Amino acid sequence: MTATPLSAGMLVEAALDVPAWDGERADWRARGMAELLVQALATGDGDLADAVLRVVPSIGPVGWRFAERVSALGDISVSRFGIRPMPSMRYVPTRPIATRLPDAVQEAAGRLARLLDRREAPEPDGPGYQRRVATTARRVAEVLERTAVDRPAAVRGHRCADLAIPAMLTWRGWLATGCGPLFAATPRLITEAQLRVWLGLHVGTHLDLLARSAAPVRWQFGRRLLAAEALATAVEISAYLISERPDEIAVLRAGLIERLSRLPGIGEWGPRAAASSPSMASAATMSSPEFVALPTLACAYVAGPFVLAEKRFRSRGVPQEYADALDRRWRRAGLAHG
């Protein structure tokens, strides 16, 4: 594939453009800067790393979780590329964003919980559920190929590269680069079922979208990221209802309950949104430190799939063949559009 240079300034500008305000805006921007540093390290782009470190001080105080991630990745980048260190990043304690969720989000949460309740919680066993494997680039590339049949409008041959940094420093490893989509595989041990769901289905859906999009960079940040996560979660919801593999169903169920747990205040209003729901009861007792400060992003994972389904997944920037394939999959799972 012919490389198309991506301007460091363009990437930084895209990562700073987030649909949020106050503390959420600063934390989301810091998270975007961390993801750009991951991209710089994965692609060997010292100019991008330098551009990120120059702009980071202007973001202002951010939650300690995001500040620590940016600072650690910044130190690695300085060592790797020999660029100028950035000043110490100012941080504040993690700050929950006070927000009342729209009724539509609470209704979507109740709907998702009831969908999860359609199937009994499986008790998986066997090697796919118990055996842990390393998330090497080779293994991820293999699972992306194997799960292509389970993804709408899948693209084969996605590039993967090993990135030797702590996995705890990364959140989004799917990247739009000048040479096309790339997954940066950081070292961790997960089960084979988690490999299939987390990387084969969810990450694979993101990579497919990048490969088919005329403007792939936009899907990594801001409003388009909200839609990208909604699309990937829609794939997981349909897979949960279609799959016949107990280990895969268990991972999908746990992941979707965790998405519910990210919503602000769900412990208070969740049981009212889905009374007597075992799935909602589980979500209401959990917490998600990463998303305490990012309610806008948290809502996209839960309400987004249903909002897009009402439009048959035909939304701005979504390639037609991708939307049509996901719509067919949604209907195959017995899901209504309204």
C-alpha atoms as a PDB file:
ATOM      1  CA  MET A   1       0.000   0.000   0.000  1.00  0.00           C
ATOM      2  CA  THR A   2       1.255   3.454  -0.917  1.00  0.00           C
ATOM      3  CA  ALA A   3       1.880   5.597   2.127  1.00  0.00           C
ATOM      4  CA  THR A   4      -0.151   8.784   2.483  1.00  0.00           C
ATOM      5  CA  PRO A   5       1.608  11.142   4.895  1.00  0.00           C
ATOM      6  CA  LEU A   6      -0.491  12.225   7.861  1.00  0.00           C
ATOM      7  CA  SER A   7       0.345  15.645   9.237  1.00  0.00           C
ATOM      8  CA  ALA A   8       1.203  15.643  12.933  1.00  0.00           C
ATOM      9  CA  GLY A   9      -0.638  18.930  13.270  1.00  0.00           C
ATOM     10  CA  MET A  10      -3.760  17.473  11.664  1.00  0.00           C
ATOM     11  CA  LEU A  11      -3.762  14.502  14.039  1.00  0.00           C
ATOM     12  CA  VAL A  12      -3.288  16.692  17.106  1.00  0.00           C
ATOM     13  CA  GLU A  13      -6.045  19.049  15.979  1.00  0.00           C
ATOM     14  CA  ALA A  14      -8.413  16.109  15.440  1.00  0.00           C
ATOM     15  CA  ALA A  15      -7.660  14.704  18.904  1.00  0.00           C
ATOM     16  CA  LEU A  16      -8.347  18.060  20.563  1.00  0.00           C
ATOM     17  CA  ASP A  17     -11.768  18.412  18.926  1.00  0.00           C
ATOM     18  CA  VAL A  18     -14.013  16.668  21.458  1.00  0.00           C
ATOM     19  CA  PRO A  19     -17.758  17.223  22.033  1.00  0.00           C
ATOM     20  CA  ALA A  20     -17.445  17.901  25.759  1.00  0.00           C
ATOM     21  CA  TRP A  21     -16.833  20.758  28.156  1.00  0.00           C
ATOM     22  CA  ASP A  22     -15.233  21.597  31.493  1.00  0.00           C
ATOM     23  CA  GLY A  23     -13.346  18.760  33.184  1.00  0.00           C
ATOM     24  CA  GLU A  24     -14.570  16.113  30.764  1.00  0.00           C
ATOM     25  CA  ARG A  25     -13.140  18.071  27.860  1.00  0.00           C
ATOM     26  CA  ALA A  26      -9.664  18.279  29.392  1.00  0.00           C
ATOM     27  CA  ASP A  27      -9.597  14.606  30.377  1.00  0.00           C
ATOM     28  CA  TRP A  28     -10.834  13.476  26.964  1.00  0.00           C
ATOM     29  CA  ARG A  29      -8.208  15.612  25.233  1.00  0.00           C
ATOM     30  CA  ALA A  30      -5.485  14.141  27.438  1.00  0.00           C
ATOM     31  CA  ARG A  31      -6.673  10.649  26.581  1.00  0.00           C
ATOM     32  CA  GLY A  32      -6.459  11.571  22.899  1.00  0.00           C
ATOM     33  CA  MET A  33      -2.894  12.814  23.349  1.00  0.00           C
ATOM     34  CA  ALA A  34      -1.961   9.513  24.990  1.00  0.00           C
ATOM     35  CA  GLU A  35      -3.407   7.628  22.032  1.00  0.00           C
ATOM     36  CA  LEU A  36      -1.399   9.752  19.610  1.00  0.00           C
ATOM     37  CA  LEU A  37       1.763   8.950  21.549  1.00  0.00           C
ATOM     38  CA  VAL A  38       0.902   5.258  21.179  1.00  0.00           C
ATOM     39  CA  GLN A  39       0.536   5.848  17.445  1.00  0.00           C
ATOM     40  CA  ALA A  40       3.864   7.683  17.303  1.00  0.00           C
ATOM     41  CA  LEU A  41       5.621   4.808  19.069  1.00  0.00           C
ATOM     42  CA  ALA A  42       3.921   2.187  16.895  1.00  0.00           C
ATOM     43  CA  THR A  43       4.832   3.928  13.646  1.00  0.00           C
ATOM     44  CA  GLY A  44       8.179   5.458  14.620  1.00  0.00           C
ATOM     45  CA  ASP A  45       6.865   8.992  14.091  1.00  0.00           C
ATOM     46  CA  GLY A  46       9.042  11.280  16.192  1.00  0.00           C
ATOM     47  CA  ASP A  47       7.473  14.397  14.683  1.00  0.00           C
ATOM     48  CA  LEU A  48       4.056  13.320  15.928  1.00  0.00           C
ATOM     49  CA  ALA A  49       5.393  12.623  19.414  1.00  0.00           C
ATOM     50  CA  ASP A  50       7.084  16.034  19.484  1.00  0.00           C
ATOM     51  CA  ALA A  51       3.887  17.779  18.352  1.00  0.00           C
ATOM     52  CA  VAL A  52       1.904  16.052  21.095  1.00  0.00           C
ATOM     53  CA  LEU A  53       4.365  16.937  23.840  1.00  0.00           C
ATOM     54  CA  ARG A  54       4.342  20.574  22.752  1.00  0.00           C
ATOM     55  CA  VAL A  55       0.573  20.898  23.040  1.00  0.00           C
ATOM     56  CA  VAL A  56      -0.030  18.832  26.190  1.00  0.00           C
ATOM     57  CA  PRO A  57       0.785  21.649  28.685  1.00  0.00           C
ATOM     58  CA  SER A  58      -1.963  23.806  27.163  1.00  0.00           C
ATOM     59  CA  ILE A  59      -4.683  21.256  27.993  1.00  0.00           C
ATOM     60  CA  GLY A  60      -4.674  22.270  31.645  1.00  0.00           C
ATOM     61  CA  PRO A  61      -5.136  20.165  34.783  1.00  0.00           C
ATOM     62  CA  VAL A  62      -6.544  16.704  34.075  1.00  0.00           C
ATOM     63  CA  GLY A  63      -7.497  13.672  36.110  1.00  0.00           C
ATOM     64  CA  TRP A  64      -4.504  11.818  37.511  1.00  0.00           C
ATOM     65  CA  ARG A  65      -5.301   8.664  35.519  1.00  0.00           C
ATOM     66  CA  PHE A  66      -4.940  10.540  32.239  1.00  0.00           C
ATOM     67  CA  ALA A  67      -1.993  12.627  33.413  1.00  0.00           C
ATOM     68  CA  GLU A  68      -0.041   9.525  34.443  1.00  0.00           C
ATOM     69  CA  ARG A  69      -0.689   7.847  31.102  1.00  0.00           C
ATOM     70  CA  VAL A  70       0.427  10.854  29.072  1.00  0.00           C
ATOM     71  CA  SER A  71       3.479  11.410  31.285  1.00  0.00           C
ATOM     72  CA  ALA A  72       4.616   7.782  31.066  1.00  0.00           C
ATOM     73  CA  LEU A  73       4.148   7.641  27.293  1.00  0.00           C
ATOM     74  CA  GLY A  74       5.866  11.013  27.010  1.00  0.00           C
ATOM     75  CA  ASP A  75       8.908   9.699  28.884  1.00  0.00           C
ATOM     76  CA  ILE A  76       9.071   6.658  26.594  1.00  0.00           C
ATOM     77  CA  SER A  77       8.785   8.918  23.538  1.00  0.00           C
ATOM     78  CA  VAL A  78      11.555  11.227  24.745  1.00  0.00           C
ATOM     79  CA  SER A  79      13.838   8.229  25.223  1.00  0.00           C
ATOM     80  CA  ARG A  80      12.863   6.670  21.893  1.00  0.00           C
ATOM     81  CA  PHE A  81      13.055   9.743  19.664  1.00  0.00           C
ATOM     82  CA  GLY A  82      15.469  12.017  21.532  1.00  0.00           C
ATOM     83  CA  ILE A  83      12.969  14.874  21.586  1.00  0.00           C
ATOM     84  CA  ARG A  84      12.566  17.645  24.130  1.00  0.00           C
ATOM     85  CA  PRO A  85      10.792  16.559  27.343  1.00  0.00           C
ATOM     86  CA  MET A  86       7.493  18.197  28.171  1.00  0.00           C
ATOM     87  CA  PRO A  87       6.890  20.034  31.455  1.00  0.00           C
ATOM     88  CA  SER A  88       5.281  18.032  34.223  1.00  0.00           C
ATOM     89  CA  MET A  89       1.594  17.633  33.510  1.00  0.00           C
ATOM     90  CA  ARG A  90      -0.758  19.190  36.033  1.00  0.00           C
ATOM     91  CA  TYR A  91      -3.310  16.818  37.435  1.00  0.00           C
ATOM     92  CA  VAL A  92      -6.203  16.758  39.866  1.00  0.00           C
ATOM     93  CA  PRO A  93      -7.957  13.877  41.634  1.00  0.00           C
ATOM     94  CA  THR A  94     -10.364  11.913  39.464  1.00  0.00           C
ATOM     95  CA  ARG A  95     -13.458  14.066  39.217  1.00  0.00           C
ATOM     96  CA  PRO A  96     -16.849  12.554  38.480  1.00  0.00           C
ATOM     97  CA  ILE A  97     -18.728  14.773  36.057  1.00  0.00           C
ATOM     98  CA  ALA A  98     -22.078  15.738  37.538  1.00  0.00           C
ATOM     99  CA  THR A  99     -24.640  15.053  34.839  1.00  0.00           C
ATOM    100  CA  ARG A 100     -28.183  13.815  34.624  1.00  0.00           C
ATOM    101  CA  LEU A 101     -28.391  11.323  31.826  1.00  0.00           C
ATOM    102  CA  PRO A 102     -31.100  11.939  29.224  1.00  0.00           C
ATOM    103  CA  ASP A 103     -34.153   9.705  29.495  1.00  0.00           C
ATOM    104  CA  ALA A 104     -33.217   8.175  26.129  1.00  0.00           C
ATOM    105  CA  VAL A 105     -29.905   6.933  27.541  1.00  0.00           C
ATOM    106  CA  GLN A 106     -31.566   5.416  30.591  1.00  0.00           C
ATOM    107  CA  GLU A 107     -34.150   3.750  28.337  1.00  0.00           C
ATOM    108  CA  ALA A 108     -31.372   2.364  26.127  1.00  0.00           C
ATOM    109  CA  ALA A 109     -29.611   1.002  29.207  1.00  0.00           C
ATOM    110  CA  GLY A 110     -32.786  -0.771  30.255  1.00  0.00           C
ATOM    111  CA  ARG A 111     -33.219  -2.160  26.768  1.00  0.00           C
ATOM    112  CA  LEU A 112     -29.658  -3.472  26.642  1.00  0.00           C
ATOM    113  CA  ALA A 113     -30.037  -5.113  30.048  1.00  0.00           C
ATOM    114  CA  ARG A 114     -33.218  -6.866  28.941  1.00  0.00           C
ATOM    115  CA  LEU A 115     -31.527  -8.067  25.750  1.00  0.00           C
ATOM    116  CA  LEU A 116     -28.756  -9.580  27.841  1.00  0.00           C
ATOM    117  CA  ASP A 117     -31.369 -11.295  29.992  1.00  0.00           C
ATOM    118  CA  ARG A 118     -32.744 -13.100  26.939  1.00  0.00           C
ATOM    119  CA  ARG A 119     -30.034 -15.700  27.380  1.00  0.00           C
ATOM    120  CA  GLU A 120     -29.182 -17.444  30.598  1.00  0.00           C
ATOM    121  CA  ALA A 121     -25.765 -16.596  31.952  1.00  0.00           C
ATOM    122  CA  PRO A 122     -23.589 -19.397  30.563  1.00  0.00           C
ATOM    123  CA  GLU A 123     -21.173 -21.416  32.619  1.00  0.00           C
ATOM    124  CA  PRO A 124     -18.413 -21.850  30.068  1.00  0.00           C
ATOM    125  CA  ASP A 125     -15.607 -24.303  30.337  1.00  0.00           C
ATOM    126  CA  GLY A 126     -13.008 -25.773  28.046  1.00  0.00           C
ATOM    127  CA  PRO A 127      -9.669 -24.519  26.744  1.00  0.00           C
ATOM    128  CA  GLY A 128     -11.088 -21.490  24.931  1.00  0.00           C
ATOM    129  CA  TYR A 129     -12.309 -20.023  28.191  1.00  0.00           C
ATOM    130  CA  GLN A 130      -9.501 -21.061  30.520  1.00  0.00           C
ATOM    131  CA  ARG A 131      -6.300 -21.076  28.487  1.00  0.00           C
ATOM    132  CA  ARG A 132      -4.497 -17.751  28.336  1.00  0.00           C
ATOM    133  CA  VAL A 133      -2.547 -16.604  25.320  1.00  0.00           C
ATOM    134  CA  ALA A 134      -0.238 -13.679  24.628  1.00  0.00           C
ATOM    135  CA  THR A 135      -1.566 -10.858  22.466  1.00  0.00           C
ATOM    136  CA  THR A 136       1.261 -10.868  19.941  1.00  0.00           C
ATOM    137  CA  ALA A 137       0.833  -9.152  16.587  1.00  0.00           C
ATOM    138  CA  ARG A 138       0.936 -12.516  14.834  1.00  0.00           C
ATOM    139  CA  ARG A 139      -1.776 -13.988  17.041  1.00  0.00           C
ATOM    140  CA  VAL A 140      -3.991 -10.910  16.681  1.00  0.00           C
ATOM    141  CA  ALA A 141      -3.594 -10.971  12.895  1.00  0.00           C
ATOM    142  CA  GLU A 142      -4.641 -14.624  12.888  1.00  0.00           C
ATOM    143  CA  VAL A 143      -7.754 -14.028  14.995  1.00  0.00           C
ATOM    144  CA  LEU A 144      -8.733 -11.058  12.829  1.00  0.00           C
ATOM    145  CA  GLU A 145      -8.716 -13.406   9.841  1.00  0.00           C
ATOM    146  CA  ARG A 146     -10.661 -16.138  11.644  1.00  0.00           C
ATOM    147  CA  THR A 147     -13.362 -13.783  12.898  1.00  0.00           C
ATOM    148  CA  ALA A 148     -13.797 -11.948   9.592  1.00  0.00           C
ATOM    149  CA  VAL A 149     -16.812 -14.167   8.821  1.00  0.00           C
ATOM    150  CA  ASP A 150     -18.480 -12.825  11.985  1.00  0.00           C
ATOM    151  CA  ARG A 151     -17.970  -9.132  11.187  1.00  0.00           C
ATOM    152  CA  PRO A 152     -20.156  -7.062   8.838  1.00  0.00           C
ATOM    153  CA  ALA A 153     -18.393  -6.049   5.614  1.00  0.00           C
ATOM    154  CA  ALA A 154     -15.115  -7.367   6.999  1.00  0.00           C
ATOM    155  CA  VAL A 155     -11.796  -6.532   5.392  1.00  0.00           C
ATOM    156  CA  ARG A 156      -9.008  -9.092   5.453  1.00  0.00           C
ATOM    157  CA  GLY A 157      -5.281  -8.639   5.795  1.00  0.00           C
ATOM    158  CA  HIS A 158      -5.188  -6.003   8.534  1.00  0.00           C
ATOM    159  CA  ARG A 159      -1.691  -5.056   9.632  1.00  0.00           C
ATOM    160  CA  CYS A 160      -0.624  -5.684  13.218  1.00  0.00           C
ATOM    161  CA  ALA A 161       2.630  -4.689  14.895  1.00  0.00           C
ATOM    162  CA  ASP A 162       4.073  -5.556  18.286  1.00  0.00           C
ATOM    163  CA  LEU A 163       4.542  -2.549  20.559  1.00  0.00           C
ATOM    164  CA  ALA A 164       6.723  -3.187  23.595  1.00  0.00           C
ATOM    165  CA  ILE A 165       5.137  -0.839  26.106  1.00  0.00           C
ATOM    166  CA  PRO A 166       3.019  -1.715  29.161  1.00  0.00           C
ATOM    167  CA  ALA A 167      -0.528  -2.616  28.124  1.00  0.00           C
ATOM    168  CA  MET A 168      -1.873  -0.456  30.967  1.00  0.00           C
ATOM    169  CA  LEU A 169      -0.682   2.626  29.056  1.00  0.00           C
ATOM    170  CA  THR A 170      -2.906   1.909  26.066  1.00  0.00           C
ATOM    171  CA  TRP A 171      -6.635   2.019  25.599  1.00  0.00           C
ATOM    172  CA  ARG A 172      -7.143   2.266  21.845  1.00  0.00           C
ATOM    173  CA  GLY A 173      -4.686   0.214  19.805  1.00  0.00           C
ATOM    174  CA  TRP A 174      -6.494   0.497  16.453  1.00  0.00           C
ATOM    175  CA  LEU A 175      -4.887   3.269  14.462  1.00  0.00           C
ATOM    176  CA  ALA A 176      -5.362   5.107  11.172  1.00  0.00           C
ATOM    177  CA  THR A 177      -1.900   5.543   9.666  1.00  0.00           C
ATOM    178  CA  GLY A 178      -0.544   6.780   6.366  1.00  0.00           C
ATOM    179  CA  CYS A 179      -0.239   3.145   5.263  1.00  0.00           C
ATOM    180  CA  GLY A 180      -3.763   2.162   6.251  1.00  0.00           C
ATOM    181  CA  PRO A 181      -5.246   0.675   9.424  1.00  0.00           C
ATOM    182  CA  LEU A 182      -2.844  -0.752  11.990  1.00  0.00           C
ATOM    183  CA  PHE A 183      -3.314  -2.520  15.296  1.00  0.00           C
ATOM    184  CA  ALA A 184      -0.586  -1.951  17.888  1.00  0.00           C
ATOM    185  CA  ALA A 185      -0.387  -5.136  19.967  1.00  0.00           C
ATOM    186  CA  THR A 186       0.874  -4.547  23.491  1.00  0.00           C
ATOM    187  CA  PRO A 187       1.895  -7.556  25.605  1.00  0.00           C
ATOM    188  CA  ARG A 188      -0.764  -9.057  27.860  1.00  0.00           C
ATOM    189  CA  LEU A 189      -2.308 -12.443  28.604  1.00  0.00           C
ATOM    190  CA  ILE A 190      -5.995 -13.025  27.878  1.00  0.00           C
ATOM    191  CA  THR A 191      -8.163 -16.060  27.228  1.00  0.00           C
ATOM    192  CA  GLU A 192      -8.802 -17.323  23.725  1.00  0.00           C
ATOM    193  CA  ALA A 193     -12.446 -16.296  24.031  1.00  0.00           C
ATOM    194  CA  GLN A 194     -11.414 -12.764  25.028  1.00  0.00           C
ATOM    195  CA  LEU A 195      -9.013 -12.714  22.093  1.00  0.00           C
ATOM    196  CA  ARG A 196     -11.858 -13.543  19.707  1.00  0.00           C
ATOM    197  CA  VAL A 197     -14.287 -11.012  21.185  1.00  0.00           C
ATOM    198  CA  TRP A 198     -12.086  -8.101  22.240  1.00  0.00           C
ATOM    199  CA  LEU A 199      -9.674  -8.160  19.338  1.00  0.00           C
ATOM    200  CA  GLY A 200     -11.321 -10.280  16.653  1.00  0.00           C
ATOM    201  CA  LEU A 201     -14.821  -8.797  16.837  1.00  0.00           C
ATOM    202  CA  HIS A 202     -14.534  -5.388  18.512  1.00  0.00           C
ATOM    203  CA  VAL A 203     -11.136  -4.203  17.291  1.00  0.00           C
ATOM    204  CA  GLY A 204     -11.708  -5.948  13.965  1.00  0.00           C
ATOM    205  CA  THR A 205     -14.878  -3.903  13.470  1.00  0.00           C
ATOM    206  CA  HIS A 206     -12.917  -0.697  14.044  1.00  0.00           C
ATOM    207  CA  LEU A 207     -10.201  -1.730  11.601  1.00  0.00           C
ATOM    208  CA  ASP A 208     -12.795  -2.691   8.975  1.00  0.00           C
ATOM    209  CA  LEU A 209     -14.391   0.746   9.294  1.00  0.00           C
ATOM    210  CA  LEU A 210     -11.031   2.490   8.941  1.00  0.00           C
ATOM    211  CA  ALA A 211     -10.228   0.413   5.858  1.00  0.00           C
ATOM    212  CA  ARG A 212     -13.527   1.242   4.158  1.00  0.00           C
ATOM    213  CA  SER A 213     -13.711   4.913   5.122  1.00  0.00           C
ATOM    214  CA  ALA A 214     -12.679   7.798   2.906  1.00  0.00           C
ATOM    215  CA  ALA A 215     -11.621   9.760   6.012  1.00  0.00           C
ATOM    216  CA  PRO A 216     -10.306   7.159   8.480  1.00  0.00           C
ATOM    217  CA  VAL A 217      -8.499   9.580  10.818  1.00  0.00           C
ATOM    218  CA  ARG A 218     -11.789  11.134  11.927  1.00  0.00           C
ATOM    219  CA  TRP A 219     -13.103   7.833  13.299  1.00  0.00           C
ATOM    220  CA  GLN A 220     -10.445   7.887  16.030  1.00  0.00           C
ATOM    221  CA  PHE A 221     -11.568  11.083  17.727  1.00  0.00           C
ATOM    222  CA  GLY A 222     -14.466  13.272  18.817  1.00  0.00           C
ATOM    223  CA  ARG A 223     -17.956  12.755  17.445  1.00  0.00           C
ATOM    224  CA  ARG A 224     -16.886  10.128  14.943  1.00  0.00           C
ATOM    225  CA  LEU A 225     -15.302   8.100  17.758  1.00  0.00           C
ATOM    226  CA  LEU A 226     -18.684   8.069  19.493  1.00  0.00           C
ATOM    227  CA  ALA A 227     -20.214   6.569  16.344  1.00  0.00           C
ATOM    228  CA  ALA A 228     -17.328   4.127  15.888  1.00  0.00           C
ATOM    229  CA  GLU A 229     -17.761   2.733  19.393  1.00  0.00           C
ATOM    230  CA  ALA A 230     -21.521   2.521  18.895  1.00  0.00           C
ATOM    231  CA  LEU A 231     -21.010   0.505  15.699  1.00  0.00           C
ATOM    232  CA  ALA A 232     -18.529  -1.873  17.335  1.00  0.00           C
ATOM    233  CA  THR A 233     -20.854  -2.376  20.297  1.00  0.00           C
ATOM    234  CA  ALA A 234     -23.738  -3.083  17.911  1.00  0.00           C
ATOM    235  CA  VAL A 235     -21.636  -5.890  16.446  1.00  0.00           C
ATOM    236  CA  GLU A 236     -21.108  -7.269  19.958  1.00  0.00           C
ATOM    237  CA  ILE A 237     -24.814  -7.093  20.826  1.00  0.00           C
ATOM    238  CA  SER A 238     -25.783  -8.995  17.692  1.00  0.00           C
ATOM    239  CA  ALA A 239     -22.975 -11.505  18.254  1.00  0.00           C
ATOM    240  CA  TYR A 240     -24.219 -12.113  21.794  1.00  0.00           C
ATOM    241  CA  LEU A 241     -27.647 -13.083  20.490  1.00  0.00           C
ATOM    242  CA  ILE A 242     -26.323 -15.140  17.556  1.00  0.00           C
ATOM    243  CA  SER A 243     -23.286 -16.957  18.978  1.00  0.00           C
ATOM    244  CA  GLU A 244     -23.516 -20.624  19.925  1.00  0.00           C
ATOM    245  CA  ARG A 245     -20.201 -20.714  21.812  1.00  0.00           C
ATOM    246  CA  PRO A 246     -20.663 -20.584  25.609  1.00  0.00           C
ATOM    247  CA  ASP A 247     -17.199 -19.130  26.216  1.00  0.00           C
ATOM    248  CA  GLU A 248     -17.782 -16.375  23.663  1.00  0.00           C
ATOM    249  CA  ILE A 249     -21.266 -15.625  25.001  1.00  0.00           C
ATOM    250  CA  ALA A 250     -19.814 -15.278  28.510  1.00  0.00           C
ATOM    251  CA  VAL A 251     -17.180 -12.775  27.375  1.00  0.00           C
ATOM    252  CA  LEU A 252     -19.708 -10.785  25.339  1.00  0.00           C
ATOM    253  CA  ARG A 253     -22.138 -10.699  28.257  1.00  0.00           C
ATOM    254  CA  ALA A 254     -19.468  -9.552  30.727  1.00  0.00           C
ATOM    255  CA  GLY A 255     -18.284  -6.865  28.320  1.00  0.00           C
ATOM    256  CA  LEU A 256     -21.754  -5.476  27.688  1.00  0.00           C
ATOM    257  CA  ILE A 257     -22.564  -5.426  31.405  1.00  0.00           C
ATOM    258  CA  GLU A 258     -19.310  -3.519  31.920  1.00  0.00           C
ATOM    259  CA  ARG A 259     -20.475  -0.971  29.290  1.00  0.00           C
ATOM    260  CA  LEU A 260     -23.617  -0.448  31.344  1.00  0.00           C
ATOM    261  CA  SER A 261     -21.556   0.029  34.508  1.00  0.00           C
ATOM    262  CA  ARG A 262     -19.758   2.990  32.911  1.00  0.00           C
ATOM    263  CA  LEU A 263     -22.897   5.124  32.932  1.00  0.00           C
ATOM    264  CA  PRO A 264     -22.958   7.819  35.646  1.00  0.00           C
ATOM    265  CA  GLY A 265     -25.222   7.025  38.573  1.00  0.00           C
ATOM    266  CA  ILE A 266     -26.362   3.671  37.236  1.00  0.00           C
ATOM    267  CA  GLY A 267     -26.349   2.238  40.751  1.00  0.00           C
ATOM    268  CA  GLU A 268     -29.147   4.681  41.578  1.00  0.00           C
ATOM    269  CA  TRP A 269     -31.351   4.742  38.476  1.00  0.00           C
ATOM    270  CA  GLY A 270     -30.373   1.466  36.785  1.00  0.00           C
ATOM    271  CA  PRO A 271     -32.667  -0.857  38.764  1.00  0.00           C
ATOM    272  CA  ARG A 272     -35.606   1.420  37.914  1.00  0.00           C
ATOM    273  CA  ALA A 273     -34.738   1.346  34.206  1.00  0.00           C
ATOM    274  CA  ALA A 274     -34.822  -2.462  34.119  1.00  0.00           C
ATOM    275  CA  ALA A 275     -36.621  -3.817  37.151  1.00  0.00           C
ATOM    276  CA  SER A 276     -35.786  -7.397  38.140  1.00  0.00           C
ATOM    277  CA  SER A 277     -33.044  -7.585  35.497  1.00  0.00           C
ATOM    278  CA  PRO A 278     -30.069  -9.724  36.591  1.00  0.00           C
ATOM    279  CA  SER A 279     -27.844  -7.970  34.057  1.00  0.00           C
ATOM    280  CA  MET A 280     -28.776  -4.519  35.314  1.00  0.00           C
ATOM    281  CA  ALA A 281     -28.347  -5.656  38.912  1.00  0.00           C
ATOM    282  CA  SER A 282     -24.796  -6.737  38.082  1.00  0.00           C
ATOM    283  CA  ALA A 283     -23.977  -3.468  36.321  1.00  0.00           C
ATOM    284  CA  ALA A 284     -25.391  -1.405  39.183  1.00  0.00           C
ATOM    285  CA  THR A 285     -22.873  -2.878  41.628  1.00  0.00           C
ATOM    286  CA  MET A 286     -19.820  -2.200  39.433  1.00  0.00           C
ATOM    287  CA  SER A 287     -17.756   0.901  38.755  1.00  0.00           C
ATOM    288  CA  SER A 288     -15.573   2.029  35.861  1.00  0.00           C
ATOM    289  CA  PRO A 289     -12.746   4.392  36.892  1.00  0.00           C
ATOM    290  CA  GLU A 290     -11.781   5.188  33.288  1.00  0.00           C
ATOM    291  CA  PHE A 291     -15.233   6.512  32.451  1.00  0.00           C
ATOM    292  CA  VAL A 292     -16.132   8.324  35.673  1.00  0.00           C
ATOM    293  CA  ALA A 293     -14.799  11.467  34.014  1.00  0.00           C
ATOM    294  CA  LEU A 294     -16.039  10.655  30.484  1.00  0.00           C
ATOM    295  CA  PRO A 295     -19.855  10.387  30.581  1.00  0.00           C
ATOM    296  CA  THR A 296     -20.341  11.466  26.960  1.00  0.00           C
ATOM    297  CA  LEU A 297     -18.162   8.634  25.735  1.00  0.00           C
ATOM    298  CA  ALA A 298     -19.729   6.178  28.177  1.00  0.00           C
ATOM    299  CA  CYS A 299     -23.207   6.925  26.815  1.00  0.00           C
ATOM    300  CA  ALA A 300     -22.123   6.247  23.233  1.00  0.00           C
ATOM    301  CA  TYR A 301     -21.454   2.576  23.959  1.00  0.00           C
ATOM    302  CA  VAL A 302     -24.956   2.029  25.365  1.00  0.00           C
ATOM    303  CA  ALA A 303     -27.352   4.385  23.576  1.00  0.00           C
ATOM    304  CA  GLY A 304     -25.382   4.691  20.338  1.00  0.00           C
ATOM    305  CA  PRO A 305     -26.133   1.227  18.902  1.00  0.00           C
ATOM    306  CA  PHE A 306     -29.901   1.744  19.205  1.00  0.00           C
ATOM    307  CA  VAL A 307     -29.784   5.290  17.823  1.00  0.00           C
ATOM    308  CA  LEU A 308     -27.857   4.095  14.768  1.00  0.00           C
ATOM    309  CA  ALA A 309     -30.085   1.042  14.356  1.00  0.00           C
ATOM    310  CA  GLU A 310     -33.106   3.341  13.978  1.00  0.00           C
ATOM    311  CA  LYS A 311     -31.337   4.763  10.902  1.00  0.00           C
ATOM    312  CA  ARG A 312     -30.386   1.267   9.690  1.00  0.00           C
ATOM    313  CA  PHE A 313     -26.820   2.308  10.557  1.00  0.00           C
ATOM    314  CA  ARG A 314     -26.821   4.840   7.732  1.00  0.00           C
ATOM    315  CA  SER A 315     -25.058   7.709   9.399  1.00  0.00           C
ATOM    316  CA  ARG A 316     -22.640  10.373   8.268  1.00  0.00           C
ATOM    317  CA  GLY A 317     -19.391   8.852   7.061  1.00  0.00           C
ATOM    318  CA  VAL A 318     -20.490   5.215   7.437  1.00  0.00           C
ATOM    319  CA  PRO A 319     -19.791   3.423   4.132  1.00  0.00           C
ATOM    320  CA  GLN A 320     -22.986   2.095   2.532  1.00  0.00           C
ATOM    321  CA  GLU A 321     -21.811  -1.516   2.307  1.00  0.00           C
ATOM    322  CA  TYR A 322     -20.804  -1.423   5.965  1.00  0.00           C
ATOM    323  CA  ALA A 323     -24.174  -0.036   7.091  1.00  0.00           C
ATOM    324  CA  ASP A 324     -26.112  -2.546   5.000  1.00  0.00           C
ATOM    325  CA  ALA A 325     -24.081  -5.502   6.283  1.00  0.00           C
ATOM    326  CA  LEU A 326     -24.520  -4.450   9.912  1.00  0.00           C
ATOM    327  CA  ASP A 327     -28.243  -3.888   9.361  1.00  0.00           C
ATOM    328  CA  ARG A 328     -28.605  -7.438   8.027  1.00  0.00           C
ATOM    329  CA  ARG A 329     -26.696  -8.777  11.010  1.00  0.00           C
ATOM    330  CA  TRP A 330     -28.884  -6.776  13.421  1.00  0.00           C
ATOM    331  CA  ARG A 331     -32.041  -8.240  11.864  1.00  0.00           C
ATOM    332  CA  ARG A 332     -30.552 -11.740  11.866  1.00  0.00           C
ATOM    333  CA  ALA A 333     -30.181 -11.387  15.640  1.00  0.00           C
ATOM    334  CA  GLY A 334     -33.902 -10.664  15.873  1.00  0.00           C
ATOM    335  CA  LEU A 335     -33.415  -7.020  16.796  1.00  0.00           C
ATOM    336  CA  ALA A 336     -35.958  -4.373  15.840  1.00  0.00           C
ATOM    337  CA  HIS A 337     -34.901  -1.020  14.463  1.00  0.00           C
ATOM    338  CA  GLY A 338     -37.101   1.135  16.661  1.00  0.00           C
END
